[in-house]
Full PDB file with SEQRES, HELIX, SHEET, SSBOND, CRYST1, ORIGX, SCALE, CONECT and MASTER records, all heavy atoms in Angstrom:
SEQRES   1 A   35  HIS ALA LEU GLY SER VAL VAL ALA ASN PRO GLY GLN THR          
SEQRES   2 A   35  VAL PRO LEU GLU VAL ASN LEU PRO ALA GLY VAL PHE ALA          
SEQRES   3 A   35  VAL THR LEU ARG VAL SER LEU VAL THR                          
CRYST1    1.000    1.000    1.000  90.00  90.00  90.00 P 1           1          
ORIGX1      1.000000  0.000000  0.000000        0.00000                         
ORIGX2      0.000000  1.000000  0.000000        0.00000                         
ORIGX3      0.000000  0.000000  1.000000        0.00000                         
SCALE1      1.000000  0.000000  0.000000        0.00000                         
SCALE2      0.000000  1.000000  0.000000        0.00000                         
SCALE3      0.000000  0.000000  1.000000        0.00000                         
ATOM      1  N   HIS A   1       0.872  -1.142   0.044  1.00  0.00           N  
ATOM      2  CA  HIS A   1      -0.029  -0.018  -0.020  1.00  0.00           C  
ATOM      3  C   HIS A   1       0.904   1.274  -0.055  1.00  0.00           C  
ATOM      4  O   HIS A   1       1.443   1.584   0.959  1.00  0.00           O  
ATOM      5  CB  HIS A   1      -0.893   0.047   1.257  1.00  0.00           C  
ATOM      6  CG  HIS A   1      -1.731  -1.211   1.292  1.00  0.00           C  
ATOM      7  ND1 HIS A   1      -1.425  -2.329   2.161  1.00  0.00           N  
ATOM      8  CD2 HIS A   1      -2.912  -1.600   0.766  1.00  0.00           C  
ATOM      9  CE1 HIS A   1      -2.328  -3.302   2.052  1.00  0.00           C  
ATOM     10  NE2 HIS A   1      -3.314  -2.862   1.198  1.00  0.00           N  
ATOM     11  N   ALA A   2       0.921   1.899  -1.136  1.00  0.00           N  
ATOM     12  CA  ALA A   2       1.807   3.009  -1.364  1.00  0.00           C  
ATOM     13  C   ALA A   2       1.272   4.315  -0.661  1.00  0.00           C  
ATOM     14  O   ALA A   2       0.016   4.527  -0.658  1.00  0.00           O  
ATOM     15  CB  ALA A   2       2.082   3.365  -2.786  1.00  0.00           C  
ATOM     16  N   LEU A   3       2.110   5.034   0.045  1.00  0.00           N  
ATOM     17  CA  LEU A   3       1.686   6.332   0.573  1.00  0.00           C  
ATOM     18  C   LEU A   3       1.330   7.332  -0.425  1.00  0.00           C  
ATOM     19  O   LEU A   3       0.464   8.181  -0.249  1.00  0.00           O  
ATOM     20  CB  LEU A   3       2.834   6.915   1.552  1.00  0.00           C  
ATOM     21  CG  LEU A   3       3.158   6.195   2.785  1.00  0.00           C  
ATOM     22  CD1 LEU A   3       4.236   6.913   3.497  1.00  0.00           C  
ATOM     23  CD2 LEU A   3       1.998   6.044   3.668  1.00  0.00           C  
ATOM     24  N   GLY A   4       2.090   7.261  -1.462  1.00  0.00           N  
ATOM     25  CA  GLY A   4       1.765   8.124  -2.787  1.00  0.00           C  
ATOM     26  C   GLY A   4       2.535   7.612  -3.923  1.00  0.00           C  
ATOM     27  O   GLY A   4       3.480   6.778  -3.722  1.00  0.00           O  
ATOM     28  N   SER A   5       1.990   7.952  -5.066  1.00  0.00           N  
ATOM     29  CA  SER A   5       2.640   7.424  -6.348  1.00  0.00           C  
ATOM     30  C   SER A   5       2.325   8.443  -7.506  1.00  0.00           C  
ATOM     31  O   SER A   5       1.221   9.122  -7.421  1.00  0.00           O  
ATOM     32  CB  SER A   5       2.178   6.109  -6.664  1.00  0.00           C  
ATOM     33  OG  SER A   5       0.772   5.990  -7.017  1.00  0.00           O  
ATOM     34  N   VAL A   6       3.212   8.565  -8.532  1.00  0.00           N  
ATOM     35  CA  VAL A   6       2.871   9.355  -9.622  1.00  0.00           C  
ATOM     36  C   VAL A   6       3.327   8.486 -10.807  1.00  0.00           C  
ATOM     37  O   VAL A   6       4.251   7.559 -10.678  1.00  0.00           O  
ATOM     38  CB  VAL A   6       3.534  10.676  -9.596  1.00  0.00           C  
ATOM     39  CG1 VAL A   6       2.915  11.527  -8.517  1.00  0.00           C  
ATOM     40  CG2 VAL A   6       5.160  10.535  -9.451  1.00  0.00           C  
ATOM     41  N   VAL A   7       2.836   8.781 -12.028  1.00  0.00           N  
ATOM     42  CA  VAL A   7       3.391   8.133 -13.210  1.00  0.00           C  
ATOM     43  C   VAL A   7       3.857   9.156 -14.125  1.00  0.00           C  
ATOM     44  O   VAL A   7       3.166  10.270 -14.403  1.00  0.00           O  
ATOM     45  CB  VAL A   7       2.141   7.401 -14.007  1.00  0.00           C  
ATOM     46  CG1 VAL A   7       2.633   6.903 -15.413  1.00  0.00           C  
ATOM     47  CG2 VAL A   7       1.739   6.180 -13.153  1.00  0.00           C  
ATOM     48  N   ALA A   8       5.103   9.130 -14.533  1.00  0.00           N  
ATOM     49  CA  ALA A   8       5.755  10.031 -15.469  1.00  0.00           C  
ATOM     50  C   ALA A   8       5.725   9.589 -16.939  1.00  0.00           C  
ATOM     51  O   ALA A   8       6.401   8.520 -17.127  1.00  0.00           O  
ATOM     52  CB  ALA A   8       7.213  10.289 -15.091  1.00  0.00           C  
ATOM     53  N   ASN A   9       4.844  10.124 -17.658  1.00  0.00           N  
ATOM     54  CA  ASN A   9       4.781   9.742 -19.101  1.00  0.00           C  
ATOM     55  C   ASN A   9       5.932  10.120 -19.895  1.00  0.00           C  
ATOM     56  O   ASN A   9       6.695  11.041 -19.384  1.00  0.00           O  
ATOM     57  CB  ASN A   9       3.352  10.226 -19.724  1.00  0.00           C  
ATOM     58  CG  ASN A   9       2.241   9.513 -19.044  1.00  0.00           C  
ATOM     59  OD1 ASN A   9       2.116   8.328 -19.036  1.00  0.00           O  
ATOM     60  ND2 ASN A   9       1.205  10.358 -18.686  1.00  0.00           N  
ATOM     61  N   PRO A  10       6.167   9.665 -21.071  1.00  0.00           N  
ATOM     62  CA  PRO A  10       7.241  10.254 -21.843  1.00  0.00           C  
ATOM     63  C   PRO A  10       7.370  11.822 -21.871  1.00  0.00           C  
ATOM     64  O   PRO A  10       6.334  12.396 -22.264  1.00  0.00           O  
ATOM     65  CB  PRO A  10       6.928   9.570 -23.216  1.00  0.00           C  
ATOM     66  CG  PRO A  10       6.207   8.348 -22.929  1.00  0.00           C  
ATOM     67  CD  PRO A  10       5.371   8.705 -21.810  1.00  0.00           C  
ATOM     68  N   GLY A  11       8.464  12.202 -21.629  1.00  0.00           N  
ATOM     69  CA  GLY A  11       8.705  13.553 -21.634  1.00  0.00           C  
ATOM     70  C   GLY A  11       8.173  14.439 -20.392  1.00  0.00           C  
ATOM     71  O   GLY A  11       8.513  15.586 -20.285  1.00  0.00           O  
ATOM     72  N   GLN A  12       7.685  13.854 -19.455  1.00  0.00           N  
ATOM     73  CA  GLN A  12       7.061  14.496 -18.274  1.00  0.00           C  
ATOM     74  C   GLN A  12       8.093  14.471 -17.143  1.00  0.00           C  
ATOM     75  O   GLN A  12       8.854  13.564 -16.926  1.00  0.00           O  
ATOM     76  CB  GLN A  12       5.805  13.749 -17.865  1.00  0.00           C  
ATOM     77  CG  GLN A  12       4.546  14.137 -18.534  1.00  0.00           C  
ATOM     78  CD  GLN A  12       3.269  13.694 -17.867  1.00  0.00           C  
ATOM     79  OE1 GLN A  12       3.307  12.612 -17.316  1.00  0.00           O  
ATOM     80  NE2 GLN A  12       2.226  14.477 -17.843  1.00  0.00           N  
ATOM     81  N   THR A  13       8.016  15.645 -16.333  1.00  0.00           N  
ATOM     82  CA  THR A  13       8.524  15.762 -14.982  1.00  0.00           C  
ATOM     83  C   THR A  13       7.373  15.980 -14.008  1.00  0.00           C  
ATOM     84  O   THR A  13       6.721  16.853 -14.191  1.00  0.00           O  
ATOM     85  CB  THR A  13       9.562  16.903 -15.003  1.00  0.00           C  
ATOM     86  OG1 THR A  13      10.649  16.564 -15.989  1.00  0.00           O  
ATOM     87  CG2 THR A  13      10.232  16.994 -13.606  1.00  0.00           C  
ATOM     88  N   VAL A  14       7.235  14.990 -12.968  1.00  0.00           N  
ATOM     89  CA  VAL A  14       6.127  15.144 -12.150  1.00  0.00           C  
ATOM     90  C   VAL A  14       6.528  15.284 -10.730  1.00  0.00           C  
ATOM     91  O   VAL A  14       7.425  14.417 -10.125  1.00  0.00           O  
ATOM     92  CB  VAL A  14       5.200  13.779 -12.269  1.00  0.00           C  
ATOM     93  CG1 VAL A  14       3.963  13.976 -11.550  1.00  0.00           C  
ATOM     94  CG2 VAL A  14       4.967  13.530 -13.790  1.00  0.00           C  
ATOM     95  N   PRO A  15       6.039  16.288 -10.020  1.00  0.00           N  
ATOM     96  CA  PRO A  15       6.475  16.410  -8.622  1.00  0.00           C  
ATOM     97  C   PRO A  15       5.617  15.403  -7.720  1.00  0.00           C  
ATOM     98  O   PRO A  15       4.586  14.953  -8.120  1.00  0.00           O  
ATOM     99  CB  PRO A  15       6.002  17.804  -8.224  1.00  0.00           C  
ATOM    100  CG  PRO A  15       4.950  18.094  -9.120  1.00  0.00           C  
ATOM    101  CD  PRO A  15       5.244  17.376 -10.349  1.00  0.00           C  
ATOM    102  N   LEU A  16       6.081  15.246  -6.475  1.00  0.00           N  
ATOM    103  CA  LEU A  16       5.438  14.216  -5.499  1.00  0.00           C  
ATOM    104  C   LEU A  16       5.687  14.656  -4.190  1.00  0.00           C  
ATOM    105  O   LEU A  16       6.772  14.982  -3.762  1.00  0.00           O  
ATOM    106  CB  LEU A  16       5.900  12.814  -5.801  1.00  0.00           C  
ATOM    107  CG  LEU A  16       5.390  11.784  -4.839  1.00  0.00           C  
ATOM    108  CD1 LEU A  16       3.983  11.536  -4.964  1.00  0.00           C  
ATOM    109  CD2 LEU A  16       6.180  10.420  -5.066  1.00  0.00           C  
ATOM    110  N   GLU A  17       4.576  14.674  -3.371  1.00  0.00           N  
ATOM    111  CA  GLU A  17       4.556  15.070  -2.009  1.00  0.00           C  
ATOM    112  C   GLU A  17       3.835  13.954  -1.209  1.00  0.00           C  
ATOM    113  O   GLU A  17       2.591  13.705  -1.575  1.00  0.00           O  
ATOM    114  CB  GLU A  17       4.098  16.400  -1.552  1.00  0.00           C  
ATOM    115  CG  GLU A  17       4.938  17.549  -2.241  1.00  0.00           C  
ATOM    116  CD  GLU A  17       4.518  18.885  -1.909  1.00  0.00           C  
ATOM    117  OE1 GLU A  17       3.667  19.007  -0.976  1.00  0.00           O  
ATOM    118  OE2 GLU A  17       4.913  19.876  -2.603  1.00  0.00           O  
ATOM    119  N   VAL A  18       4.305  13.480  -0.077  1.00  0.00           N  
ATOM    120  CA  VAL A  18       3.487  12.540   0.729  1.00  0.00           C  
ATOM    121  C   VAL A  18       3.700  12.905   2.109  1.00  0.00           C  
ATOM    122  O   VAL A  18       4.780  13.204   2.554  1.00  0.00           O  
ATOM    123  CB  VAL A  18       3.882  10.993   0.487  1.00  0.00           C  
ATOM    124  CG1 VAL A  18       3.648  10.564  -0.995  1.00  0.00           C  
ATOM    125  CG2 VAL A  18       5.364  10.795   0.821  1.00  0.00           C  
ATOM    126  N   ASN A  19       2.600  12.772   2.995  1.00  0.00           N  
ATOM    127  CA  ASN A  19       2.818  12.853   4.448  1.00  0.00           C  
ATOM    128  C   ASN A  19       3.125  11.514   5.007  1.00  0.00           C  
ATOM    129  O   ASN A  19       2.553  10.525   4.685  1.00  0.00           O  
ATOM    130  CB  ASN A  19       1.444  13.374   4.983  1.00  0.00           C  
ATOM    131  CG  ASN A  19       1.085  14.693   4.509  1.00  0.00           C  
ATOM    132  OD1 ASN A  19       1.932  15.533   4.421  1.00  0.00           O  
ATOM    133  ND2 ASN A  19      -0.211  14.983   4.192  1.00  0.00           N  
ATOM    134  N   LEU A  20       4.139  11.544   5.921  1.00  0.00           N  
ATOM    135  CA  LEU A  20       4.610  10.325   6.549  1.00  0.00           C  
ATOM    136  C   LEU A  20       3.792  10.129   7.830  1.00  0.00           C  
ATOM    137  O   LEU A  20       3.423  10.990   8.576  1.00  0.00           O  
ATOM    138  CB  LEU A  20       6.091  10.426   6.949  1.00  0.00           C  
ATOM    139  CG  LEU A  20       7.017  10.743   5.740  1.00  0.00           C  
ATOM    140  CD1 LEU A  20       8.455  10.948   6.141  1.00  0.00           C  
ATOM    141  CD2 LEU A  20       6.825   9.581   4.693  1.00  0.00           C  
ATOM    142  N   PRO A  21       3.496   8.880   8.093  1.00  0.00           N  
ATOM    143  CA  PRO A  21       2.580   8.463   9.339  1.00  0.00           C  
ATOM    144  C   PRO A  21       3.576   8.601  10.543  1.00  0.00           C  
ATOM    145  O   PRO A  21       4.735   8.580  10.524  1.00  0.00           O  
ATOM    146  CB  PRO A  21       2.194   7.052   9.018  1.00  0.00           C  
ATOM    147  CG  PRO A  21       3.311   6.525   8.204  1.00  0.00           C  
ATOM    148  CD  PRO A  21       3.611   7.652   7.242  1.00  0.00           C  
ATOM    149  N   ALA A  22       2.776   8.745  11.650  1.00  0.00           N  
ATOM    150  CA  ALA A  22       3.424   8.717  12.919  1.00  0.00           C  
ATOM    151  C   ALA A  22       4.042   7.414  13.227  1.00  0.00           C  
ATOM    152  O   ALA A  22       3.459   6.312  12.844  1.00  0.00           O  
ATOM    153  CB  ALA A  22       2.430   9.070  14.053  1.00  0.00           C  
ATOM    154  N   GLY A  23       5.255   7.401  13.806  1.00  0.00           N  
ATOM    155  CA  GLY A  23       5.929   6.244  14.017  1.00  0.00           C  
ATOM    156  C   GLY A  23       6.619   5.509  12.849  1.00  0.00           C  
ATOM    157  O   GLY A  23       7.056   4.436  12.943  1.00  0.00           O  
ATOM    158  N   VAL A  24       6.814   6.351  11.821  1.00  0.00           N  
ATOM    159  CA  VAL A  24       7.572   5.892  10.634  1.00  0.00           C  
ATOM    160  C   VAL A  24       8.959   5.604  10.942  1.00  0.00           C  
ATOM    161  O   VAL A  24       9.606   6.367  11.642  1.00  0.00           O  
ATOM    162  CB  VAL A  24       7.367   6.839   9.423  1.00  0.00           C  
ATOM    163  CG1 VAL A  24       7.955   8.122   9.705  1.00  0.00           C  
ATOM    164  CG2 VAL A  24       7.970   6.224   8.220  1.00  0.00           C  
ATOM    165  N   PHE A  25       9.531   4.432  10.634  1.00  0.00           N  
ATOM    166  CA  PHE A  25      10.939   4.161  10.799  1.00  0.00           C  
ATOM    167  C   PHE A  25      11.696   3.914   9.554  1.00  0.00           C  
ATOM    168  O   PHE A  25      12.919   3.613   9.591  1.00  0.00           O  
ATOM    169  CB  PHE A  25      11.079   2.949  11.825  1.00  0.00           C  
ATOM    170  CG  PHE A  25      10.380   1.775  11.353  1.00  0.00           C  
ATOM    171  CD1 PHE A  25      11.013   0.905  10.423  1.00  0.00           C  
ATOM    172  CD2 PHE A  25       9.077   1.429  11.856  1.00  0.00           C  
ATOM    173  CE1 PHE A  25      10.281  -0.285   9.954  1.00  0.00           C  
ATOM    174  CE2 PHE A  25       8.403   0.308  11.537  1.00  0.00           C  
ATOM    175  CZ  PHE A  25       9.095  -0.532  10.490  1.00  0.00           C  
ATOM    176  N   ALA A  26      11.001   3.854   8.377  1.00  0.00           N  
ATOM    177  CA  ALA A  26      11.680   3.616   7.166  1.00  0.00           C  
ATOM    178  C   ALA A  26      10.801   4.099   6.030  1.00  0.00           C  
ATOM    179  O   ALA A  26       9.499   4.005   6.085  1.00  0.00           O  
ATOM    180  CB  ALA A  26      12.151   2.182   6.975  1.00  0.00           C  
ATOM    181  N   VAL A  27      11.417   4.530   4.923  1.00  0.00           N  
ATOM    182  CA  VAL A  27      10.622   4.722   3.638  1.00  0.00           C  
ATOM    183  C   VAL A  27      11.264   4.005   2.552  1.00  0.00           C  
ATOM    184  O   VAL A  27      12.583   3.860   2.576  1.00  0.00           O  
ATOM    185  CB  VAL A  27      10.447   6.271   3.356  1.00  0.00           C  
ATOM    186  CG1 VAL A  27       9.546   7.008   4.356  1.00  0.00           C  
ATOM    187  CG2 VAL A  27      11.777   6.907   3.175  1.00  0.00           C  
ATOM    188  N   THR A  28      10.608   3.564   1.631  1.00  0.00           N  
ATOM    189  CA  THR A  28      11.086   2.820   0.452  1.00  0.00           C  
ATOM    190  C   THR A  28      10.511   3.440  -0.850  1.00  0.00           C  
ATOM    191  O   THR A  28       9.447   3.712  -0.915  1.00  0.00           O  
ATOM    192  CB  THR A  28      10.597   1.316   0.475  1.00  0.00           C  
ATOM    193  OG1 THR A  28      11.144   0.685   1.642  1.00  0.00           O  
ATOM    194  CG2 THR A  28      11.208   0.573  -0.737  1.00  0.00           C  
ATOM    195  N   LEU A  29      11.552   3.884  -1.611  1.00  0.00           N  
ATOM    196  CA  LEU A  29      11.155   4.390  -3.012  1.00  0.00           C  
ATOM    197  C   LEU A  29      11.310   3.267  -3.930  1.00  0.00           C  
ATOM    198  O   LEU A  29      12.255   2.532  -4.030  1.00  0.00           O  
ATOM    199  CB  LEU A  29      12.182   5.421  -3.301  1.00  0.00           C  
ATOM    200  CG  LEU A  29      12.319   6.653  -2.483  1.00  0.00           C  
ATOM    201  CD1 LEU A  29      13.264   7.703  -3.051  1.00  0.00           C  
ATOM    202  CD2 LEU A  29      11.070   7.263  -2.011  1.00  0.00           C  
ATOM    203  N   ARG A  30      10.188   3.151  -4.861  1.00  0.00           N  
ATOM    204  CA  ARG A  30      10.204   2.078  -5.828  1.00  0.00           C  
ATOM    205  C   ARG A  30       9.932   2.775  -7.235  1.00  0.00           C  
ATOM    206  O   ARG A  30       9.083   3.651  -7.411  1.00  0.00           O  
ATOM    207  CB  ARG A  30       9.171   1.066  -5.577  1.00  0.00           C  
ATOM    208  CG  ARG A  30       9.038   0.030  -6.668  1.00  0.00           C  
ATOM    209  CD  ARG A  30       7.862  -0.855  -6.496  1.00  0.00           C  
ATOM    210  NE  ARG A  30       7.889  -1.599  -5.139  1.00  0.00           N  
ATOM    211  CZ  ARG A  30       6.924  -2.182  -4.506  1.00  0.00           C  
ATOM    212  NH1 ARG A  30       5.773  -2.205  -5.088  1.00  0.00           N  
ATOM    213  NH2 ARG A  30       7.111  -2.840  -3.446  1.00  0.00           N  
ATOM    214  N   VAL A  31      10.601   2.321  -8.289  1.00  0.00           N  
ATOM    215  CA  VAL A  31      10.419   2.783  -9.656  1.00  0.00           C  
ATOM    216  C   VAL A  31      10.073   1.413 -10.412  1.00  0.00           C  
ATOM    217  O   VAL A  31      10.696   0.449 -10.261  1.00  0.00           O  
ATOM    218  CB  VAL A  31      11.575   3.521 -10.123  1.00  0.00           C  
ATOM    219  CG1 VAL A  31      11.779   4.802  -9.543  1.00  0.00           C  
ATOM    220  CG2 VAL A  31      12.884   2.678 -10.100  1.00  0.00           C  
ATOM    221  N   SER A  32       9.250   1.604 -11.460  1.00  0.00           N  
ATOM    222  CA  SER A  32       8.889   0.472 -12.321  1.00  0.00           C  
ATOM    223  C   SER A  32       8.408   0.907 -13.592  1.00  0.00           C  
ATOM    224  O   SER A  32       7.769   1.944 -13.820  1.00  0.00           O  
ATOM    225  CB  SER A  32       7.914  -0.496 -11.614  1.00  0.00           C  
ATOM    226  OG  SER A  32       6.707   0.236 -11.135  1.00  0.00           O  
ATOM    227  N   LEU A  33       8.701   0.096 -14.645  1.00  0.00           N  
ATOM    228  CA  LEU A  33       8.227   0.413 -15.923  1.00  0.00           C  
ATOM    229  C   LEU A  33       6.702   0.048 -16.061  1.00  0.00           C  
ATOM    230  O   LEU A  33       6.230  -0.900 -15.491  1.00  0.00           O  
ATOM    231  CB  LEU A  33       8.894  -0.388 -17.060  1.00  0.00           C  
ATOM    232  CG  LEU A  33      10.428   0.013 -17.238  1.00  0.00           C  
ATOM    233  CD1 LEU A  33      11.136  -1.050 -18.151  1.00  0.00           C  
ATOM    234  CD2 LEU A  33      10.501   1.376 -17.901  1.00  0.00           C  
ATOM    235  N   VAL A  34       5.947   0.999 -16.673  1.00  0.00           N  
ATOM    236  CA  VAL A  34       4.535   0.823 -16.752  1.00  0.00           C  
ATOM    237  C   VAL A  34       4.209  -0.238 -17.859  1.00  0.00           C  
ATOM    238  O   VAL A  34       3.275  -0.968 -17.669  1.00  0.00           O  
ATOM    239  CB  VAL A  34       3.718   2.096 -17.014  1.00  0.00           C  
ATOM    240  CG1 VAL A  34       2.345   1.878 -17.137  1.00  0.00           C  
ATOM    241  CG2 VAL A  34       3.972   3.015 -15.720  1.00  0.00           C  
ATOM    242  N   THR A  35       4.862  -0.081 -18.912  1.00  0.00           N  
ATOM    243  CA  THR A  35       4.681  -1.058 -20.088  1.00  0.00           C  
ATOM    244  C   THR A  35       6.039  -1.580 -20.476  1.00  0.00           C  
ATOM    245  O   THR A  35       7.015  -1.003 -20.329  1.00  0.00           O  
ATOM    246  CB  THR A  35       4.040  -0.279 -21.262  1.00  0.00           C  
ATOM    247  OG1 THR A  35       4.821   0.705 -21.630  1.00  0.00           O  
ATOM    248  CG2 THR A  35       2.634   0.145 -21.015  1.00  0.00           C  
TER     249      THR A  35                                                      
MASTER        0    0    0    0    0    0    0    6  248    1    0    3          
END                                                                             
């Protein structure tokens, strides 16, 4: 369950902001090809 996500289409630059839950001890960033 991602806290937040965005999809960057060809040629796009997309900002991203997420609020972190109380008690957070780690964050993981993941990138993946859509197609």
